[in-house]
Amino acid sequence: MDTFTVTIETPAGPLSLRRETAEAAIETGRTMQREGVGEVFISPPGGTPQPLAEFVSAAIKELPDWDPA
């Protein structure tokens, strides 16, 4: 199954969590970032890791009714 991977870079090493949807991955990433656990990256299925903010920006732009104004 294709899943999104949320990776948190912690002092003890990377921690990876899998989520089925982009929305779930973003929610998990935001929670981890808010808790101050470490730097958060999200990888789409078969893709490369992106910092949380970049992933969210790209996801928003892909929405059909997105308007930057």
C-alpha atoms as a PDB file:
ATOM      1  CA  MET A   1       0.000   0.000   0.000  1.00  0.00           C
ATOM      2  CA  ASP A   2       1.242   3.498  -0.808  1.00  0.00           C
ATOM      3  CA  THR A   3       1.602   5.607   2.309  1.00  0.00           C
ATOM      4  CA  PHE A   4       3.008   8.974   3.281  1.00  0.00           C
ATOM      5  CA  THR A   5       5.988   8.898   5.623  1.00  0.00           C
ATOM      6  CA  VAL A   6       6.383  11.472   8.390  1.00  0.00           C
ATOM      7  CA  THR A   7       9.999  11.583   9.571  1.00  0.00           C
ATOM      8  CA  ILE A   8      11.001  13.419  12.724  1.00  0.00           C
ATOM      9  CA  GLU A   9      14.705  14.133  13.155  1.00  0.00           C
ATOM     10  CA  THR A  10      15.292  13.729  16.897  1.00  0.00           C
ATOM     11  CA  PRO A  11      18.540  13.926  18.894  1.00  0.00           C
ATOM     12  CA  ALA A  12      18.353  10.134  19.241  1.00  0.00           C
ATOM     13  CA  GLY A  13      17.931   9.629  15.476  1.00  0.00           C
ATOM     14  CA  PRO A  14      15.118   9.673  12.930  1.00  0.00           C
ATOM     15  CA  LEU A  15      11.647   8.432  13.812  1.00  0.00           C
ATOM     16  CA  SER A  16       9.373   7.488  10.899  1.00  0.00           C
ATOM     17  CA  LEU A  17       5.598   7.154  10.997  1.00  0.00           C
ATOM     18  CA  ARG A  18       3.392   6.069   8.098  1.00  0.00           C
ATOM     19  CA  ARG A  19       0.039   7.659   7.289  1.00  0.00           C
ATOM     20  CA  GLU A  20      -2.477   6.705   4.574  1.00  0.00           C
ATOM     21  CA  THR A  21      -3.367  10.235   3.407  1.00  0.00           C
ATOM     22  CA  ALA A  22      -1.609  13.560   2.940  1.00  0.00           C
ATOM     23  CA  GLU A  23      -4.045  15.128   5.398  1.00  0.00           C
ATOM     24  CA  ALA A  24      -3.182  12.597   8.100  1.00  0.00           C
ATOM     25  CA  ALA A  25       0.547  13.060   7.438  1.00  0.00           C
ATOM     26  CA  ILE A  26       0.226  16.848   7.708  1.00  0.00           C
ATOM     27  CA  GLU A  27      -1.779  16.568  10.933  1.00  0.00           C
ATOM     28  CA  THR A  28       0.819  14.232  12.463  1.00  0.00           C
ATOM     29  CA  GLY A  29       3.678  16.439  11.282  1.00  0.00           C
ATOM     30  CA  ARG A  30       2.102  19.580  12.723  1.00  0.00           C
ATOM     31  CA  THR A  31       1.496  17.851  16.051  1.00  0.00           C
ATOM     32  CA  MET A  32       5.098  16.682  16.251  1.00  0.00           C
ATOM     33  CA  GLN A  33       6.413  20.116  15.280  1.00  0.00           C
ATOM     34  CA  ARG A  34       4.167  21.814  17.858  1.00  0.00           C
ATOM     35  CA  GLU A  35       5.481  19.448  20.537  1.00  0.00           C
ATOM     36  CA  GLY A  36       9.045  20.442  19.624  1.00  0.00           C
ATOM     37  CA  VAL A  37      10.150  16.838  19.136  1.00  0.00           C
ATOM     38  CA  GLY A  38      12.452  17.684  16.224  1.00  0.00           C
ATOM     39  CA  GLU A  39      12.565  18.758  12.585  1.00  0.00           C
ATOM     40  CA  VAL A  40       9.682  17.244  10.585  1.00  0.00           C
ATOM     41  CA  PHE A  41       9.759  15.977   6.991  1.00  0.00           C
ATOM     42  CA  ILE A  42       7.025  14.353   4.890  1.00  0.00           C
ATOM     43  CA  SER A  43       7.632  11.981   1.983  1.00  0.00           C
ATOM     44  CA  PRO A  44       4.835  11.242  -0.470  1.00  0.00           C
ATOM     45  CA  PRO A  45       4.548   7.644  -1.723  1.00  0.00           C
ATOM     46  CA  GLY A  46       7.690   6.994  -3.778  1.00  0.00           C
ATOM     47  CA  GLY A  47       8.853  10.605  -3.313  1.00  0.00           C
ATOM     48  CA  THR A  48      11.649  12.423  -1.568  1.00  0.00           C
ATOM     49  CA  PRO A  49      11.368  13.947   1.918  1.00  0.00           C
ATOM     50  CA  GLN A  50      10.307  17.590   2.108  1.00  0.00           C
ATOM     51  CA  PRO A  51      10.260  19.876   5.133  1.00  0.00           C
ATOM     52  CA  LEU A  52       6.749  20.110   6.569  1.00  0.00           C
ATOM     53  CA  ALA A  53       6.157  23.729   5.442  1.00  0.00           C
ATOM     54  CA  GLU A  54       7.200  22.983   1.850  1.00  0.00           C
ATOM     55  CA  PHE A  55       5.002  19.880   1.705  1.00  0.00           C
ATOM     56  CA  VAL A  56       1.986  21.805   3.024  1.00  0.00           C
ATOM     57  CA  SER A  57       2.552  24.650   0.539  1.00  0.00           C
ATOM     58  CA  ALA A  58       2.739  22.217  -2.374  1.00  0.00           C
ATOM     59  CA  ALA A  59      -0.367  20.347  -1.179  1.00  0.00           C
ATOM     60  CA  ILE A  60      -2.393  23.558  -0.882  1.00  0.00           C
ATOM     61  CA  LYS A  61      -1.443  24.668  -4.387  1.00  0.00           C
ATOM     62  CA  GLU A  62      -2.743  21.362  -5.768  1.00  0.00           C
ATOM     63  CA  LEU A  63      -6.237  21.948  -4.384  1.00  0.00           C
ATOM     64  CA  PRO A  64      -8.716  22.651  -7.199  1.00  0.00           C
ATOM     65  CA  ASP A  65     -10.072  25.889  -5.738  1.00  0.00           C
ATOM     66  CA  TRP A  66      -6.813  27.312  -4.393  1.00  0.00           C
ATOM     67  CA  ASP A  67      -6.561  31.087  -4.728  1.00  0.00           C
ATOM     68  CA  PRO A  68      -3.328  32.784  -3.589  1.00  0.00           C
ATOM     69  CA  ALA A  69      -5.054  36.160  -3.145  1.00  0.00           C
END
